PDB file of N, CA and C in Angstrom:
ATOM      1  N   UNK A   1     -46.759-111.622  53.456  1.00  0.00           N
ATOM      2  CA  UNK A   1     -46.984-110.535  54.732  1.00  0.00           C
ATOM      3  C   UNK A   1     -46.810-110.946  56.009  1.00  0.00           C
ATOM      4  N   UNK A   2     -46.240-110.132  56.714  1.00  0.00           N
ATOM      5  CA  UNK A   2     -46.214-110.185  57.891  1.00  0.00           C
ATOM      6  C   UNK A   2     -47.021-110.406  58.853  1.00  0.00           C
ATOM      7  N   UNK A   3     -47.733-111.145  60.131  1.00  0.00           N
ATOM      8  CA  UNK A   3     -49.244-111.132  60.440  1.00  0.00           C
ATOM      9  C   UNK A   3     -49.247-110.350  61.473  1.00  0.00           C
ATOM     10  N   UNK A   4     -49.795-109.905  62.849  1.00  0.00           N
ATOM     11  CA  UNK A   4     -48.990-109.486  64.827  1.00  0.00           C
ATOM     12  C   UNK A   4     -48.385-110.207  64.703  1.00  0.00           C
ATOM     13  N   UNK A   5     -48.530-111.136  64.858  1.00  0.00           N
ATOM     14  CA  UNK A   5     -47.968-112.243  65.543  1.00  0.00           C
ATOM     15  C   UNK A   5     -46.610-111.842  65.807  1.00  0.00           C
ATOM     16  N   UNK A   6     -45.736-112.322  63.931  1.00  0.00           N
ATOM     17  CA  UNK A   6     -44.860-112.312  63.980  1.00  0.00           C
ATOM     18  C   UNK A   6     -44.154-110.776  63.855  1.00  0.00           C
ATOM     19  N   UNK A   7     -45.067-109.895  63.562  1.00  0.00           N
ATOM     20  CA  UNK A   7     -43.980-108.574  64.173  1.00  0.00           C
ATOM     21  C   UNK A   7     -44.394-108.407  65.592  1.00  0.00           C
ATOM     22  N   UNK A   8     -44.959-108.678  66.108  1.00  0.00           N
ATOM     23  CA  UNK A   8     -44.595-108.588  67.992  1.00  0.00           C
ATOM     24  C   UNK A   8     -43.726-108.524  67.907  1.00  0.00           C
ATOM     25  N   UNK A   9     -43.228-110.322  67.401  1.00  0.00           N
ATOM     26  CA  UNK A   9     -42.113-111.339  68.023  1.00  0.00           C
ATOM     27  C   UNK A   9     -40.532-110.459  68.101  1.00  0.00           C
ATOM     28  N   UNK A  10     -40.929-110.164  66.129  1.00  0.00           N
ATOM     29  CA  UNK A  10     -39.960-108.906  65.697  1.00  0.00           C
ATOM     30  C   UNK A  10     -39.297-107.950  67.080  1.00  0.00           C
ATOM     31  N   UNK A  11     -40.829-107.010  67.332  1.00  0.00           N
ATOM     32  CA  UNK A  11     -40.661-106.582  68.555  1.00  0.00           C
ATOM     33  C   UNK A  11     -39.717-106.025  68.942  1.00  0.00           C
ATOM     34  N   UNK A  12     -40.356-107.047  70.209  1.00  0.00           N
ATOM     35  CA  UNK A  12     -39.773-108.191  71.423  1.00  0.00           C
ATOM     36  C   UNK A  12     -38.299-107.870  71.048  1.00  0.00           C
ATOM     37  N   UNK A  13     -38.716-109.507  70.213  1.00  0.00           N
ATOM     38  CA  UNK A  13     -37.058-109.718  69.719  1.00  0.00           C
ATOM     39  C   UNK A  13     -35.944-108.927  69.694  1.00  0.00           C
ATOM     40  N   UNK A  14     -36.010-106.891  69.345  1.00  0.00           N
ATOM     41  CA  UNK A  14     -35.448-105.652  69.115  1.00  0.00           C
ATOM     42  C   UNK A  14     -35.476-105.296  69.663  1.00  0.00           C
ATOM     43  N   UNK A  15     -35.998-104.983  70.799  1.00  0.00           N
ATOM     44  CA  UNK A  15     -36.485-104.149  72.337  1.00  0.00           C
ATOM     45  C   UNK A  15     -35.635-104.923  73.495  1.00  0.00           C
ATOM     46  N   UNK A  16     -35.568-106.479  73.204  1.00  0.00           N
ATOM     47  CA  UNK A  16     -34.965-107.238  74.556  1.00  0.00           C
ATOM     48  C   UNK A  16     -33.347-107.336  73.866  1.00  0.00           C
ATOM     49  N   UNK A  17     -32.530-107.208  72.748  1.00  0.00           N
ATOM     50  CA  UNK A  17     -31.509-107.463  72.106  1.00  0.00           C
ATOM     51  C   UNK A  17     -30.615-105.433  72.284  1.00  0.00           C
ATOM     52  N   UNK A  18     -31.684-104.330  72.477  1.00  0.00           N
ATOM     53  CA  UNK A  18     -31.273-103.036  72.394  1.00  0.00           C
ATOM     54  C   UNK A  18     -30.985-103.574  74.172  1.00  0.00           C
ATOM     55  N   UNK A  19     -31.973-103.411  75.025  1.00  0.00           N
ATOM     56  CA  UNK A  19     -32.080-103.862  76.398  1.00  0.00           C
ATOM     57  C   UNK A  19     -30.778-104.582  76.762  1.00  0.00           C
ATOM     58  N   UNK A  20     -30.486-105.309  76.645  1.00  0.00           N
ATOM     59  CA  UNK A  20     -29.384-106.272  76.971  1.00  0.00           C
ATOM     60  C   UNK A  20     -27.752-105.133  76.648  1.00  0.00           C
ATOM     61  N   UNK A  21     -27.836-105.412  75.067  1.00  0.00           N
ATOM     62  CA  UNK A  21     -26.781-104.322  74.414  1.00  0.00           C
ATOM     63  C   UNK A  21     -26.676-102.954  75.833  1.00  0.00           C
ATOM     64  N   UNK A  22     -27.697-102.270  75.766  1.00  0.00           N
ATOM     65  CA  UNK A  22     -27.569-101.510  76.824  1.00  0.00           C
ATOM     66  C   UNK A  22     -27.387-102.234  78.553  1.00  0.00           C
ATOM     67  N   UNK A  23     -28.004-103.206  79.217  1.00  0.00           N
ATOM     68  CA  UNK A  23     -27.178-103.656  80.031  1.00  0.00           C
ATOM     69  C   UNK A  23     -25.591-103.903  79.939  1.00  0.00           C
ATOM     70  N   UNK A  24     -25.157-104.115  78.626  1.00  0.00           N
ATOM     71  CA  UNK A  24     -23.661-104.735  79.128  1.00  0.00           C
ATOM     72  C   UNK A  24     -22.670-103.255  78.710  1.00  0.00           C
ATOM     73  N   UNK A  25     -23.403-102.450  78.640  1.00  0.00           N
ATOM     74  CA  UNK A  25     -22.273-100.884  77.785  1.00  0.00           C
ATOM     75  C   UNK A  25     -22.398-100.722  79.451  1.00  0.00           C
ATOM     76  N   UNK A  26     -23.960-100.801  80.288  1.00  0.00           N
ATOM     77  CA  UNK A  26     -23.336 -99.983  81.680  1.00  0.00           C
ATOM     78  C   UNK A  26     -22.197-100.793  82.407  1.00  0.00           C
ATOM     79  N   UNK A  27     -22.557-101.971  82.750  1.00  0.00           N
ATOM     80  CA  UNK A  27     -21.609-102.962  83.431  1.00  0.00           C
ATOM     81  C   UNK A  27     -20.311-102.891  82.633  1.00  0.00           C
ATOM     82  N   UNK A  28     -20.006-102.806  81.250  1.00  0.00           N
ATOM     83  CA  UNK A  28     -18.264-102.591  81.138  1.00  0.00           C
ATOM     84  C   UNK A  28     -17.931-100.580  81.183  1.00  0.00           C
ATOM     85  N   UNK A  29     -19.299 -99.607  81.282  1.00  0.00           N
ATOM     86  CA  UNK A  29     -18.956 -98.458  82.138  1.00  0.00           C
ATOM     87  C   UNK A  29     -18.948 -98.624  83.235  1.00  0.00           C
ATOM     88  N   UNK A  30     -19.641 -98.964  84.418  1.00  0.00           N
ATOM     89  CA  UNK A  30     -18.960 -99.373  85.891  1.00  0.00           C
ATOM     90  C   UNK A  30     -17.433-100.494  86.163  1.00  0.00           C
ATOM     91  N   UNK A  31     -17.419-100.844  85.586  1.00  0.00           N
ATOM     92  CA  UNK A  31     -16.322-102.120  85.237  1.00  0.00           C
ATOM     93  C   UNK A  31     -15.076-101.074  85.839  1.00  0.00           C
ATOM     94  N   UNK A  32     -15.169 -99.922  84.491  1.00  0.00           N
ATOM     95  CA  UNK A  32     -13.967 -99.652  83.702  1.00  0.00           C
ATOM     96  C   UNK A  32     -14.384 -97.825  84.441  1.00  0.00           C
ATOM     97  N   UNK A  33     -14.964 -97.273  85.338  1.00  0.00           N
ATOM     98  CA  UNK A  33     -15.278 -96.598  86.451  1.00  0.00           C
ATOM     99  C   UNK A  33     -15.012 -97.198  87.821  1.00  0.00           C
ATOM    100  N   UNK A  34     -15.067 -98.695  88.026  1.00  0.00           N
ATOM    101  CA  UNK A  34     -14.265 -98.980  89.377  1.00  0.00           C
ATOM    102  C   UNK A  34     -12.546 -99.684  89.358  1.00  0.00           C
ATOM    103  N   UNK A  35     -12.571 -99.913  87.917  1.00  0.00           N
ATOM    104  CA  UNK A  35     -10.965-100.053  87.865  1.00  0.00           C
ATOM    105  C   UNK A  35     -10.132 -98.033  87.891  1.00  0.00           C
ATOM    106  N   UNK A  36     -10.605 -97.470  87.796  1.00  0.00           N
ATOM    107  CA  UNK A  36     -10.030 -96.048  87.454  1.00  0.00           C
ATOM    108  C   UNK A  36     -10.593 -95.748  88.994  1.00  0.00           C
ATOM    109  N   UNK A  37     -10.985 -96.115  90.045  1.00  0.00           N
ATOM    110  CA  UNK A  37     -11.250 -95.363  90.952  1.00  0.00           C
ATOM    111  C   UNK A  37     -10.824 -95.805  91.373  1.00  0.00           C
ATOM    112  N   UNK A  38     -10.478 -97.222  91.545  1.00  0.00           N
ATOM    113  CA  UNK A  38      -9.159 -98.417  92.530  1.00  0.00           C
ATOM    114  C   UNK A  38      -7.399 -97.806  91.790  1.00  0.00           C
ATOM    115  N   UNK A  39      -7.616 -97.042  90.888  1.00  0.00           N
ATOM    116  CA  UNK A  39      -6.190 -96.706  90.756  1.00  0.00           C
ATOM    117  C   UNK A  39      -5.656 -95.217  91.198  1.00  0.00           C
ATOM    118  N   UNK A  40      -7.405 -94.750  91.381  1.00  0.00           N
ATOM    119  CA  UNK A  40      -6.539 -93.252  92.106  1.00  0.00           C
ATOM    120  C   UNK A  40      -6.777 -94.283  93.708  1.00  0.00           C
ATOM    121  N   UNK A  41      -6.872 -94.622  94.516  1.00  0.00           N
ATOM    122  CA  UNK A  41      -7.091 -94.889  96.080  1.00  0.00           C
ATOM    123  C   UNK A  41      -5.890 -95.355  95.749  1.00  0.00           C
ATOM    124  N   UNK A  42      -6.104 -96.137  95.069  1.00  0.00           N
ATOM    125  CA  UNK A  42      -3.374 -96.525  95.322  1.00  0.00           C
ATOM    126  C   UNK A  42      -2.900 -95.732  94.594  1.00  0.00           C
ATOM    127  N   UNK A  43      -2.959 -94.677  93.822  1.00  0.00           N
ATOM    128  CA  UNK A  43      -2.481 -93.490  94.322  1.00  0.00           C
ATOM    129  C   UNK A  43      -2.561 -92.734  95.426  1.00  0.00           C
ATOM    130  N   UNK A  44      -3.118 -92.709  95.649  1.00  0.00           N
ATOM    131  CA  UNK A  44      -3.160 -92.294  97.231  1.00  0.00           C
ATOM    132  C   UNK A  44      -1.948 -92.629  98.418  1.00  0.00           C
ATOM    133  N   UNK A  45      -3.177 -93.066  98.882  1.00  0.00           N
ATOM    134  CA  UNK A  45      -2.798 -94.684  99.677  1.00  0.00           C
ATOM    135  C   UNK A  45      -0.852 -94.512  99.157  1.00  0.00           C
ATOM    136  N   UNK A  46      -0.213 -94.492  97.906  1.00  0.00           N
ATOM    137  CA  UNK A  46       0.714 -94.371  97.601  1.00  0.00           C
ATOM    138  C   UNK A  46       1.491 -92.728  98.084  1.00  0.00           C
ATOM    139  N   UNK A  47       0.188 -92.206  98.336  1.00  0.00           N
ATOM    140  CA  UNK A  47       0.930 -90.501  97.580  1.00  0.00           C
ATOM    141  C   UNK A  47       1.699 -90.568  96.361  1.00  0.00           C
ATOM    142  N   UNK A  48       1.826 -90.858  95.331  1.00  0.00           N
ATOM    143  CA  UNK A  48       1.843 -90.651  94.176  1.00  0.00           C
ATOM    144  C   UNK A  48       0.571 -89.959  92.651  1.00  0.00           C
ATOM    145  N   UNK A  49      -0.432 -90.051  94.336  1.00  0.00           N
ATOM    146  CA  UNK A  49      -1.423 -89.052  93.502  1.00  0.00           C
ATOM    147  C   UNK A  49      -1.395 -87.372  92.944  1.00  0.00           C
ATOM    148  N   UNK A  50      -1.451 -86.907  91.609  1.00  0.00           N
ATOM    149  CA  UNK A  50      -0.890 -85.892  91.782  1.00  0.00           C
ATOM    150  C   UNK A  50      -2.514 -85.660  90.812  1.00  0.00           C
ATOM    151  N   UNK A  51      -3.334 -84.573  91.751  1.00  0.00           N
ATOM    152  CA  UNK A  51      -3.887 -83.431  91.204  1.00  0.00           C
ATOM    153  C   UNK A  51      -3.739 -82.251  90.493  1.00  0.00           C
ATOM    154  N   UNK A  52      -4.333 -82.489  88.966  1.00  0.00           N
ATOM    155  CA  UNK A  52      -3.672 -81.345  87.780  1.00  0.00           C
ATOM    156  C   UNK A  52      -5.381 -80.165  87.897  1.00  0.00           C
ATOM    157  N   UNK A  53      -4.665 -78.880  88.947  1.00  0.00           N
ATOM    158  CA  UNK A  53      -5.262 -77.956  89.275  1.00  0.00           C
ATOM    159  C   UNK A  53      -5.896 -77.270  88.221  1.00  0.00           C
ATOM    160  N   UNK A  54      -4.590 -77.495  86.956  1.00  0.00           N
ATOM    161  CA  UNK A  54      -5.234 -76.347  85.410  1.00  0.00           C
ATOM    162  C   UNK A  54      -6.805 -77.075  85.325  1.00  0.00           C
ATOM    163  N   UNK A  55      -6.537 -78.819  84.826  1.00  0.00           N
ATOM    164  CA  UNK A  55      -8.071 -79.100  84.306  1.00  0.00           C
ATOM    165  C   UNK A  55      -9.334 -78.956  85.574  1.00  0.00           C
ATOM    166  N   UNK A  56      -8.457 -79.264  87.052  1.00  0.00           N
ATOM    167  CA  UNK A  56     -10.259 -78.667  88.015  1.00  0.00           C
ATOM    168  C   UNK A  56     -10.526 -77.504  87.696  1.00  0.00           C
ATOM    169  N   UNK A  57      -9.441 -76.842  87.923  1.00  0.00           N
ATOM    170  CA  UNK A  57      -9.719 -74.998  87.777  1.00  0.00           C
ATOM    171  C   UNK A  57     -11.065 -74.647  86.482  1.00  0.00           C
ATOM    172  N   UNK A  58     -10.818 -75.491  84.858  1.00  0.00           N
ATOM    173  CA  UNK A  58     -10.793 -74.854  83.965  1.00  0.00           C
ATOM    174  C   UNK A  58     -12.852 -75.960  84.029  1.00  0.00           C
ATOM    175  N   UNK A  59     -12.312 -77.171  84.988  1.00  0.00           N
ATOM    176  CA  UNK A  59     -13.760 -77.538  85.100  1.00  0.00           C
ATOM    177  C   UNK A  59     -14.658 -76.783  85.878  1.00  0.00           C
ATOM    178  N   UNK A  60     -14.384 -76.426  87.231  1.00  0.00           N
ATOM    179  CA  UNK A  60     -15.192 -75.150  87.976  1.00  0.00           C
ATOM    180  C   UNK A  60     -15.488 -74.571  87.130  1.00  0.00           C
ATOM    181  N   UNK A  61     -14.604 -73.320  86.747  1.00  0.00           N
ATOM    182  CA  UNK A  61     -15.203 -72.492  85.140  1.00  0.00           C
ATOM    183  C   UNK A  61     -16.058 -72.797  84.552  1.00  0.00           C
ATOM    184  N   UNK A  62     -16.089 -73.412  83.636  1.00  0.00           N
ATOM    185  CA  UNK A  62     -16.787 -74.991  82.299  1.00  0.00           C
ATOM    186  C   UNK A  62     -18.683 -74.753  83.299  1.00  0.00           C
ATOM    187  N   UNK A  63     -18.324 -74.843  84.602  1.00  0.00           N
ATOM    188  CA  UNK A  63     -19.641 -75.064  86.082  1.00  0.00           C
ATOM    189  C   UNK A  63     -20.131 -73.768  85.461  1.00  0.00           C
ATOM    190  N   UNK A  64     -18.819 -72.949  85.737  1.00  0.00           N
ATOM    191  CA  UNK A  64     -20.323 -71.264  86.317  1.00  0.00           C
ATOM    192  C   UNK A  64     -21.155 -70.770  85.257  1.00  0.00           C
ATOM    193  N   UNK A  65     -20.171 -71.053  84.043  1.00  0.00           N
ATOM    194  CA  UNK A  65     -20.920 -70.185  82.507  1.00  0.00           C
ATOM    195  C   UNK A  65     -22.334 -71.023  82.440  1.00  0.00           C
TER     196      UNK A  65
END
């Protein structure tokens, strides 16, 4: 039988693991977004950045619906 102390420990451990996983995913996402932004900034600086007007128009149309 699990006593309340063990039960509380298990719950806290699970919550902490979930929080750590969430923080790791957030950090990974931020790194990915920063890398993407840096690549785009470099392309703009070099004059090689191409805007996909079809995708942009579709995104605008989708947001209006």
